[in-house]
Structures are given as structure tokens and as C-alpha cells.
Amino acid sequence: MKKLLKYIILFCMIICMTFGLAACSSACGTSQAPANELVGTWEGTGNEVSTITFRNNGMCIDDAGSAKIEGPYTINESMKFVKVKDEETGLEFAYSYTLTGDSLVLQMDLGFPRTFKRVK
């Protein structure tokens, strides 16, 4: 009887640990954030030399070779607006955007539009 009780307790502990680890993986940030329409890698077209990547975890990398901006981004899909903050300098870059299929145009209030094509 004692042996059976030990197995039941051991089984219950394993079940509790399994659920605990599953809950921790969601609560501790290892699960992916909900996708938005900009998530993915975008390659510059025309005069645009950058490759920009928007990740599910809210991070963005804008890589132009000699210049690189890396940091968190926020997006407002209904307003078609995205803001990227460079972690190194603290500067924020705000863009309105237009997304048509696999084509993305980022536009600051002043300046030329930045055009990209989704990398598949």
C-alpha cells in the first residue's frame, strides 16, 4: 500500500511540474507575441539600401550596412503608423506606412518615402 501511495504522489508531482513549466513558458516571455502585418524581413527597392526586419517579439533591425538601427517598435495597424526606437542612441523614428501585398512604403513627415519588398 505504501508503494502505491508513493507512485500516486510521484505521478501527481510530475503532472504538476509539467503544468508549471508550460505556464512558465507562456508567462516568462518565451512564447511569441501576436503577429502583426509588418512582421518579417523587407528588402529595400529603388534607392533604398536598407533591409528592415520586424520581429514577433517587438524588436526591429534596420540595417543599411554601415548604419544600423536596432530596438523596439510599436505599431498601430488601424492608423497605419509604426515607431522604432534605436536602443543605442535613444532616438525614435516615426513612420506612416502603406502595405500593398508584398510591398511596403515607410514615410516620415519630412523626407523621401522608403520602399521595400517582403523577403520570402
Protein backbone atom coordinates (compact mmCIF):
# COMPACT_ATOMS: atom_id res chain seq x y z
CA MET A 1 0.00 0.00 0.00
CA LYS A 2 2.81 2.43 0.85
CA LYS A 3 4.45 1.69 -2.51
CA LEU A 4 1.22 2.50 -4.36
CA LEU A 5 0.88 5.75 -2.42
CA LYS A 6 4.45 6.73 -3.38
CA TYR A 7 3.68 6.13 -7.08
CA ILE A 8 0.50 8.19 -6.87
CA ILE A 9 2.36 11.08 -5.21
CA LEU A 10 5.18 10.82 -7.76
CA PHE A 11 2.67 10.84 -10.62
CA CYS A 12 0.92 13.92 -9.18
CA MET A 13 4.25 15.74 -8.81
CA ILE A 14 5.17 15.02 -12.43
CA ILE A 15 1.79 16.33 -13.62
CA CYS A 16 2.15 19.50 -11.50
CA MET A 17 5.68 20.12 -12.80
CA THR A 18 4.52 19.67 -16.40
CA PHE A 19 1.74 22.23 -15.99
CA GLY A 20 4.07 24.57 -14.10
CA LEU A 21 6.66 24.52 -16.85
CA ALA A 22 4.02 25.07 -19.52
CA ALA A 23 2.63 28.06 -17.61
CA CYS A 24 6.12 29.48 -17.10
CA SER A 25 6.98 29.28 -20.79
CA SER A 26 3.95 31.44 -21.59
CA ALA A 27 4.30 33.83 -18.66
CA CYS A 28 8.08 34.17 -18.90
CA GLY A 29 8.01 35.54 -22.43
CA THR A 30 9.23 32.53 -24.36
CA SER A 31 6.04 32.35 -26.39
CA GLN A 32 5.80 34.56 -29.45
CA ALA A 33 3.87 37.81 -29.38
CA PRO A 34 0.91 38.04 -31.71
CA ALA A 35 1.97 38.69 -35.27
CA ASN A 36 1.21 41.98 -36.97
CA GLU A 37 1.15 42.80 -40.65
CA LEU A 38 4.75 44.11 -40.71
CA VAL A 39 6.40 41.04 -39.13
CA GLY A 40 9.04 39.68 -41.48
CA THR A 41 12.06 40.86 -43.43
CA TRP A 42 11.80 43.63 -46.00
CA GLU A 43 14.47 44.40 -48.61
CA GLY A 44 14.89 47.91 -49.94
CA THR A 45 13.88 48.67 -53.53
CA GLY A 46 14.79 51.58 -55.79
CA ASN A 47 17.14 53.94 -53.92
CA GLU A 48 16.52 52.23 -50.57
CA VAL A 49 19.60 50.25 -49.48
CA SER A 50 18.33 49.02 -46.10
CA THR A 51 16.95 45.68 -45.11
CA ILE A 52 14.46 46.01 -42.27
CA THR A 53 13.20 43.18 -40.08
CA PHE A 54 10.18 43.42 -37.77
CA ARG A 55 10.13 40.52 -35.31
CA ASN A 56 7.22 39.00 -33.37
CA ASN A 57 8.94 39.93 -30.10
CA GLY A 58 8.54 43.67 -30.80
CA MET A 59 12.14 44.23 -31.94
CA CYS A 60 13.23 45.82 -35.21
CA ILE A 61 16.54 45.83 -37.09
CA ASP A 62 17.05 48.41 -39.84
CA ASP A 63 20.37 47.51 -41.48
CA ALA A 64 21.90 49.71 -44.17
CA GLY A 65 25.36 48.14 -43.98
CA SER A 66 27.37 51.00 -42.48
CA ALA A 67 24.42 52.25 -40.40
CA LYS A 68 22.20 50.06 -38.24
CA ILE A 69 19.21 50.86 -36.06
CA GLU A 70 18.14 48.20 -33.60
CA GLY A 71 15.46 48.41 -30.94
CA PRO A 72 11.83 48.00 -30.00
CA TYR A 73 8.97 49.07 -32.23
CA THR A 74 5.32 49.82 -31.66
CA ILE A 75 2.66 49.62 -34.31
CA ASN A 76 -0.84 50.98 -34.72
CA GLU A 77 -2.33 48.94 -37.56
CA SER A 78 -5.58 50.89 -37.69
CA MET A 79 -3.73 54.21 -38.09
CA LYS A 80 -1.01 52.59 -40.29
CA PHE A 81 1.71 54.01 -38.06
CA VAL A 82 4.94 52.45 -36.72
CA LYS A 83 7.53 53.88 -34.32
CA VAL A 84 11.05 52.44 -33.93
CA LYS A 85 13.35 53.39 -31.04
CA ASP A 86 17.10 52.97 -31.52
CA GLU A 87 18.44 51.35 -28.34
CA GLU A 88 21.94 52.75 -28.82
CA THR A 89 21.06 56.44 -29.28
CA GLY A 90 17.55 56.61 -27.82
CA LEU A 91 16.29 58.30 -30.99
CA GLU A 92 12.77 57.47 -32.16
CA PHE A 93 11.79 57.19 -35.81
CA ALA A 94 8.09 57.50 -36.61
CA TYR A 95 6.65 56.40 -39.93
CA SER A 96 3.26 56.18 -41.52
CA TYR A 97 3.15 53.13 -43.73
CA THR A 98 1.35 51.71 -46.71
CA LEU A 99 1.25 47.97 -47.23
CA THR A 100 0.11 46.56 -50.57
CA GLY A 101 0.66 42.82 -50.88
CA ASP A 102 4.41 42.29 -50.52
CA SER A 103 5.26 46.00 -50.96
CA LEU A 104 5.85 48.32 -48.00
CA VAL A 105 6.32 52.09 -48.07
CA LEU A 106 7.54 53.86 -44.91
CA GLN A 107 7.07 57.63 -44.88
CA MET A 108 8.30 60.12 -42.30
CA ASP A 109 6.63 63.54 -42.08
CA LEU A 110 9.61 65.02 -43.89
CA GLY A 111 11.75 63.09 -46.32
CA PHE A 112 11.51 60.67 -49.16
CA PRO A 113 9.46 57.50 -48.93
CA ARG A 114 11.36 54.32 -48.13
CA THR A 115 10.21 51.42 -50.33
CA PHE A 116 10.61 47.72 -49.53
CA LYS A 117 9.63 44.31 -50.82
CA ARG A 118 8.91 41.37 -48.48
CA VAL A 119 11.64 38.70 -48.48
CA LYS A 120 10.10 35.24 -48.78
